[in-house]
N, C-alpha and C. Protein backbone atom coordinates (compact mmCIF):
# COMPACT_ATOMS: atom_id res chain seq x y z
N GLN A 1 -0.63 -20.48 -4.69
CA GLN A 1 -1.65 -20.30 -5.72
C GLN A 1 -0.99 -20.19 -7.06
N TRP A 2 -1.42 -20.98 -7.99
CA TRP A 2 -0.86 -21.01 -9.33
C TRP A 2 -1.01 -19.68 -10.06
N ILE A 3 -2.02 -18.89 -9.72
CA ILE A 3 -2.21 -17.60 -10.44
C ILE A 3 -1.03 -16.62 -10.19
N HIS A 4 -0.27 -16.86 -9.11
CA HIS A 4 0.89 -16.04 -8.78
C HIS A 4 2.18 -16.59 -9.34
N LEU A 5 2.23 -17.91 -9.58
CA LEU A 5 3.46 -18.60 -9.90
C LEU A 5 3.58 -19.22 -11.28
N ASP A 6 2.51 -19.76 -11.78
CA ASP A 6 2.55 -20.52 -13.03
C ASP A 6 2.10 -19.63 -14.18
N GLN A 7 3.12 -19.09 -14.88
CA GLN A 7 2.85 -18.11 -15.92
C GLN A 7 2.05 -18.71 -17.09
N GLU A 8 2.42 -19.90 -17.50
CA GLU A 8 1.69 -20.52 -18.63
C GLU A 8 0.23 -20.78 -18.27
N ARG A 9 0.01 -21.34 -17.13
CA ARG A 9 -1.37 -21.62 -16.73
C ARG A 9 -2.18 -20.34 -16.51
N ALA A 10 -1.50 -19.35 -15.93
CA ALA A 10 -2.18 -18.06 -15.68
C ALA A 10 -2.59 -17.43 -17.00
N LYS A 11 -1.75 -17.53 -18.02
CA LYS A 11 -2.13 -16.94 -19.33
C LYS A 11 -3.34 -17.69 -19.93
N LYS A 12 -3.41 -18.98 -19.71
CA LYS A 12 -4.47 -19.75 -20.29
C LYS A 12 -5.78 -19.75 -19.48
N GLU A 13 -5.64 -19.85 -18.15
CA GLU A 13 -6.80 -20.04 -17.29
C GLU A 13 -7.14 -18.86 -16.32
N GLY A 14 -6.16 -17.96 -16.16
CA GLY A 14 -6.30 -16.98 -15.10
C GLY A 14 -7.24 -15.81 -15.36
N GLY A 15 -7.47 -15.49 -16.62
CA GLY A 15 -8.36 -14.40 -16.91
C GLY A 15 -7.75 -13.01 -16.89
N PHE A 16 -6.48 -12.89 -16.58
CA PHE A 16 -5.80 -11.60 -16.47
C PHE A 16 -4.65 -11.46 -17.52
N GLY A 17 -4.43 -12.52 -18.28
CA GLY A 17 -3.37 -12.47 -19.32
C GLY A 17 -1.99 -12.81 -18.85
N ASN A 18 -1.79 -12.93 -17.55
CA ASN A 18 -0.48 -13.26 -17.00
C ASN A 18 -0.62 -13.52 -15.50
N THR A 19 0.48 -13.84 -14.86
CA THR A 19 0.44 -14.02 -13.40
C THR A 19 0.17 -12.63 -12.76
N ILE A 20 -0.35 -12.71 -11.54
CA ILE A 20 -0.64 -11.47 -10.81
C ILE A 20 0.08 -11.46 -9.49
N ALA A 21 0.38 -10.25 -8.98
CA ALA A 21 1.05 -10.12 -7.68
C ALA A 21 0.00 -10.47 -6.59
N HIS A 22 0.47 -11.06 -5.54
CA HIS A 22 -0.42 -11.38 -4.43
C HIS A 22 -0.85 -10.08 -3.81
N GLY A 23 -2.13 -9.98 -3.43
CA GLY A 23 -2.66 -8.75 -2.88
C GLY A 23 -1.89 -8.23 -1.68
N TYR A 24 -1.47 -9.11 -0.80
CA TYR A 24 -0.72 -8.71 0.37
C TYR A 24 0.71 -8.28 0.01
N LEU A 25 1.24 -8.79 -1.09
CA LEU A 25 2.52 -8.32 -1.57
C LEU A 25 2.37 -6.86 -1.99
N THR A 26 1.32 -6.54 -2.75
CA THR A 26 1.17 -5.14 -3.18
C THR A 26 0.98 -4.22 -1.92
N LEU A 27 0.26 -4.72 -0.95
CA LEU A 27 0.07 -3.97 0.27
C LEU A 27 1.39 -3.75 1.01
N SER A 28 2.32 -4.72 0.94
CA SER A 28 3.57 -4.65 1.69
C SER A 28 4.49 -3.54 1.13
N ILE A 29 4.29 -3.10 -0.06
CA ILE A 29 5.16 -2.01 -0.59
C ILE A 29 4.68 -0.63 -0.15
N LEU A 30 3.55 -0.56 0.48
CA LEU A 30 3.00 0.76 0.89
C LEU A 30 3.94 1.56 1.77
N PRO A 31 4.51 1.02 2.88
CA PRO A 31 5.42 1.84 3.70
C PRO A 31 6.60 2.39 2.89
N HIS A 32 7.15 1.58 2.02
CA HIS A 32 8.25 2.04 1.17
C HIS A 32 7.81 3.23 0.26
N LEU A 33 6.67 3.07 -0.39
CA LEU A 33 6.19 4.13 -1.28
C LEU A 33 5.84 5.39 -0.49
N TRP A 34 5.31 5.23 0.72
CA TRP A 34 4.98 6.36 1.57
C TRP A 34 6.22 7.16 1.93
N LYS A 35 7.35 6.41 2.18
CA LYS A 35 8.59 7.12 2.49
C LYS A 35 9.14 7.86 1.27
N GLU A 36 8.75 7.45 0.05
CA GLU A 36 9.13 8.17 -1.14
C GLU A 36 8.35 9.44 -1.30
N ILE A 37 7.16 9.54 -0.69
CA ILE A 37 6.29 10.68 -0.80
C ILE A 37 6.59 11.71 0.27
N ALA A 38 6.72 11.26 1.54
CA ALA A 38 6.82 12.18 2.68
C ALA A 38 8.14 11.93 3.39
N GLU A 39 8.75 13.02 3.85
CA GLU A 39 10.01 12.94 4.57
C GLU A 39 9.78 13.43 6.00
N PHE A 40 10.23 12.70 6.97
CA PHE A 40 10.11 13.05 8.37
C PHE A 40 11.47 13.13 9.01
N SER A 41 11.65 14.07 9.92
CA SER A 41 12.93 14.26 10.64
C SER A 41 12.75 13.78 12.08
N ASN A 42 13.87 13.36 12.64
CA ASN A 42 13.96 12.96 14.07
C ASN A 42 13.00 11.80 14.40
N ILE A 43 12.83 10.88 13.46
CA ILE A 43 12.03 9.67 13.74
C ILE A 43 12.86 8.68 14.50
N LYS A 44 12.35 8.24 15.62
CA LYS A 44 12.94 7.16 16.39
C LYS A 44 12.43 5.82 15.90
N MET A 45 11.10 5.79 15.65
CA MET A 45 10.48 4.52 15.22
C MET A 45 9.11 4.85 14.57
N MET A 46 8.83 4.09 13.48
CA MET A 46 7.48 4.18 12.86
C MET A 46 6.90 2.77 12.94
N ILE A 47 5.64 2.72 13.38
CA ILE A 47 4.96 1.44 13.61
C ILE A 47 3.73 1.39 12.67
N ASN A 48 3.59 0.27 11.95
CA ASN A 48 2.38 -0.01 11.22
C ASN A 48 1.30 -0.33 12.26
N TYR A 49 0.35 0.52 12.48
CA TYR A 49 -0.60 0.41 13.53
C TYR A 49 -1.91 -0.30 13.10
N GLY A 50 -2.36 -0.06 11.91
CA GLY A 50 -3.62 -0.65 11.48
C GLY A 50 -4.00 -0.34 10.07
N ILE A 51 -5.05 -1.03 9.64
CA ILE A 51 -5.62 -0.84 8.32
C ILE A 51 -7.12 -0.80 8.53
N GLU A 52 -7.74 0.19 7.93
CA GLU A 52 -9.19 0.36 8.02
C GLU A 52 -9.82 0.32 6.64
N LYS A 53 -10.91 -0.40 6.50
CA LYS A 53 -11.71 -0.36 5.23
C LYS A 53 -10.85 -0.66 4.01
N LEU A 54 -9.97 -1.58 4.03
CA LEU A 54 -9.14 -1.90 2.88
C LEU A 54 -9.96 -2.75 1.91
N ARG A 55 -9.88 -2.40 0.64
CA ARG A 55 -10.50 -3.18 -0.41
C ARG A 55 -9.51 -3.44 -1.54
N PHE A 56 -9.35 -4.70 -1.89
CA PHE A 56 -8.55 -5.03 -3.06
C PHE A 56 -9.50 -4.97 -4.25
N ASN A 57 -9.36 -3.95 -5.10
CA ASN A 57 -10.29 -3.67 -6.15
C ASN A 57 -9.98 -4.41 -7.42
N GLN A 58 -8.69 -4.62 -7.70
CA GLN A 58 -8.28 -5.24 -8.94
C GLN A 58 -6.89 -5.82 -8.82
N PRO A 59 -6.60 -6.95 -9.39
CA PRO A 59 -5.26 -7.52 -9.26
C PRO A 59 -4.21 -6.70 -10.05
N VAL A 60 -3.00 -6.79 -9.63
CA VAL A 60 -1.83 -6.17 -10.29
C VAL A 60 -1.19 -7.27 -11.12
N VAL A 61 -1.31 -7.12 -12.46
CA VAL A 61 -0.68 -8.09 -13.34
C VAL A 61 0.84 -7.85 -13.26
N VAL A 62 1.61 -8.97 -13.34
CA VAL A 62 3.07 -8.90 -13.26
C VAL A 62 3.62 -7.91 -14.35
N ASP A 63 4.60 -7.11 -13.93
CA ASP A 63 5.20 -6.11 -14.78
C ASP A 63 4.39 -4.83 -14.93
N SER A 64 3.31 -4.70 -14.23
CA SER A 64 2.55 -3.48 -14.28
C SER A 64 3.27 -2.39 -13.44
N GLU A 65 2.98 -1.12 -13.81
CA GLU A 65 3.49 0.01 -13.06
C GLU A 65 2.44 0.46 -12.10
N VAL A 66 2.82 0.77 -10.85
CA VAL A 66 1.89 1.21 -9.85
C VAL A 66 2.34 2.58 -9.29
N ARG A 67 1.37 3.30 -8.75
CA ARG A 67 1.66 4.61 -8.11
C ARG A 67 0.78 4.70 -6.88
N LEU A 68 1.34 5.22 -5.82
CA LEU A 68 0.56 5.39 -4.60
C LEU A 68 0.09 6.85 -4.47
N ARG A 69 -1.21 6.99 -4.23
CA ARG A 69 -1.77 8.30 -3.93
C ARG A 69 -2.16 8.30 -2.49
N VAL A 70 -1.85 9.40 -1.80
CA VAL A 70 -2.11 9.46 -0.37
C VAL A 70 -2.73 10.82 -0.01
N LYS A 71 -3.73 10.71 0.86
CA LYS A 71 -4.37 11.96 1.40
C LYS A 71 -4.38 11.81 2.94
N LEU A 72 -3.90 12.82 3.64
CA LEU A 72 -3.86 12.80 5.06
C LEU A 72 -5.31 12.91 5.59
N SER A 73 -5.73 11.89 6.33
CA SER A 73 -7.08 11.93 6.94
C SER A 73 -7.09 12.53 8.31
N SER A 74 -6.05 12.24 9.09
CA SER A 74 -5.94 12.84 10.43
C SER A 74 -4.55 12.70 10.99
N LEU A 75 -4.19 13.59 11.80
CA LEU A 75 -2.89 13.58 12.52
C LEU A 75 -3.17 13.97 13.94
N VAL A 76 -2.90 13.11 14.90
CA VAL A 76 -3.23 13.34 16.30
C VAL A 76 -2.00 13.09 17.17
N ASN A 77 -1.81 13.98 18.15
CA ASN A 77 -0.71 13.82 19.09
C ASN A 77 -1.21 13.04 20.30
N LEU A 78 -0.63 11.87 20.51
CA LEU A 78 -1.05 11.02 21.65
C LEU A 78 0.10 11.01 22.64
N ARG A 79 0.20 12.06 23.42
CA ARG A 79 1.25 12.23 24.46
C ARG A 79 2.67 11.93 23.86
N GLY A 80 3.01 12.63 22.80
CA GLY A 80 4.35 12.49 22.24
C GLY A 80 4.48 11.50 21.12
N ILE A 81 3.48 10.72 20.87
CA ILE A 81 3.46 9.83 19.72
C ILE A 81 2.43 10.37 18.71
N SER A 82 2.85 10.46 17.48
CA SER A 82 1.93 10.98 16.44
C SER A 82 1.22 9.84 15.74
N LYS A 83 -0.12 9.88 15.76
CA LYS A 83 -0.95 8.90 15.10
C LYS A 83 -1.38 9.52 13.77
N CYS A 84 -0.93 8.91 12.68
CA CYS A 84 -1.16 9.45 11.35
C CYS A 84 -2.07 8.51 10.58
N GLN A 85 -3.25 8.98 10.17
CA GLN A 85 -4.16 8.16 9.36
C GLN A 85 -4.19 8.72 7.95
N LEU A 86 -4.00 7.79 6.99
CA LEU A 86 -3.86 8.18 5.58
C LEU A 86 -4.87 7.41 4.75
N HIS A 87 -5.52 8.11 3.85
CA HIS A 87 -6.33 7.42 2.83
C HIS A 87 -5.38 7.09 1.68
N VAL A 88 -5.22 5.84 1.37
CA VAL A 88 -4.24 5.41 0.38
C VAL A 88 -5.01 4.72 -0.79
N THR A 89 -4.42 4.95 -2.02
CA THR A 89 -4.92 4.27 -3.22
C THR A 89 -3.72 3.86 -4.04
N LEU A 90 -3.61 2.59 -4.31
CA LEU A 90 -2.54 2.11 -5.19
C LEU A 90 -3.12 1.99 -6.61
N GLU A 91 -2.68 2.92 -7.47
CA GLU A 91 -3.15 2.96 -8.83
C GLU A 91 -2.32 2.08 -9.75
N ILE A 92 -2.90 1.56 -10.80
CA ILE A 92 -2.21 0.75 -11.77
C ILE A 92 -2.22 1.52 -13.06
N LYS A 93 -1.07 1.66 -13.70
CA LYS A 93 -0.95 2.45 -14.95
C LYS A 93 -1.92 1.89 -15.99
N ASP A 94 -2.62 2.80 -16.63
CA ASP A 94 -3.56 2.49 -17.72
C ASP A 94 -4.80 1.68 -17.30
N GLN A 95 -5.10 1.67 -16.01
CA GLN A 95 -6.28 0.99 -15.47
C GLN A 95 -7.15 2.04 -14.76
N LYS A 96 -8.47 1.90 -14.95
CA LYS A 96 -9.40 2.79 -14.24
C LYS A 96 -9.53 2.48 -12.79
N LYS A 97 -9.58 1.18 -12.44
CA LYS A 97 -9.77 0.80 -11.05
C LYS A 97 -8.42 0.63 -10.36
N PRO A 98 -8.26 1.08 -9.12
CA PRO A 98 -7.01 0.92 -8.42
C PRO A 98 -6.84 -0.53 -7.94
N ALA A 99 -5.61 -0.87 -7.61
CA ALA A 99 -5.33 -2.22 -7.02
C ALA A 99 -6.01 -2.30 -5.67
N PHE A 100 -5.83 -1.33 -4.84
CA PHE A 100 -6.54 -1.27 -3.54
C PHE A 100 -6.72 0.15 -3.06
N SER A 101 -7.58 0.27 -2.07
CA SER A 101 -7.79 1.56 -1.40
C SER A 101 -8.18 1.28 0.04
N GLY A 102 -7.86 2.21 0.90
CA GLY A 102 -8.22 2.04 2.30
C GLY A 102 -7.57 3.09 3.13
N GLU A 103 -7.66 2.89 4.46
CA GLU A 103 -7.09 3.80 5.44
C GLU A 103 -5.99 3.09 6.18
N MET A 104 -4.77 3.63 6.12
CA MET A 104 -3.63 3.14 6.84
C MET A 104 -3.35 3.97 8.04
N VAL A 105 -2.94 3.36 9.17
CA VAL A 105 -2.63 4.11 10.36
C VAL A 105 -1.20 3.76 10.77
N PHE A 106 -0.40 4.80 10.92
CA PHE A 106 0.98 4.68 11.40
C PHE A 106 1.16 5.43 12.70
N LEU A 107 2.01 4.94 13.56
CA LEU A 107 2.39 5.63 14.77
C LEU A 107 3.85 6.07 14.64
N TYR A 108 4.10 7.36 14.86
CA TYR A 108 5.44 7.90 14.73
C TYR A 108 5.96 8.24 16.14
N HIS A 109 7.11 7.68 16.51
CA HIS A 109 7.76 8.04 17.76
C HIS A 109 8.94 8.88 17.37
N PHE A 110 9.05 10.05 17.92
CA PHE A 110 10.07 10.99 17.57
C PHE A 110 11.14 11.06 18.68
N ASP A 111 12.41 11.32 18.28
CA ASP A 111 13.46 11.56 19.27
C ASP A 111 13.14 12.81 20.03
N GLN A 112 13.36 12.80 21.30
CA GLN A 112 13.04 13.98 22.18
C GLN A 112 14.21 14.96 22.27
N ALA A 113 15.33 14.67 21.58
CA ALA A 113 16.53 15.50 21.70
C ALA A 113 16.42 16.82 21.12
């Protein structure tokens, strides 16, 4: 898509003033940002389990600053595996509407040692 790659065309025709990050690219940084917020010990493996009710509300213009807000929705023990559901919002600096919001689900497998 030219809106992600062609800066000159994006400035003229895109409606956002510059190229924008692909929505799924912004979503892909979520696990990294989550690790910056919360620290877990004795993790054997973390699995991206699902996404619920995700909405891309506004594009992220290239060079924008973003921040992840997270609220724990639920934490359930499934026979030694922790299922963690989080309400996530990726905010864009100086913008009222977030880039996206939704519910992310991770499965945490812990070392039994």
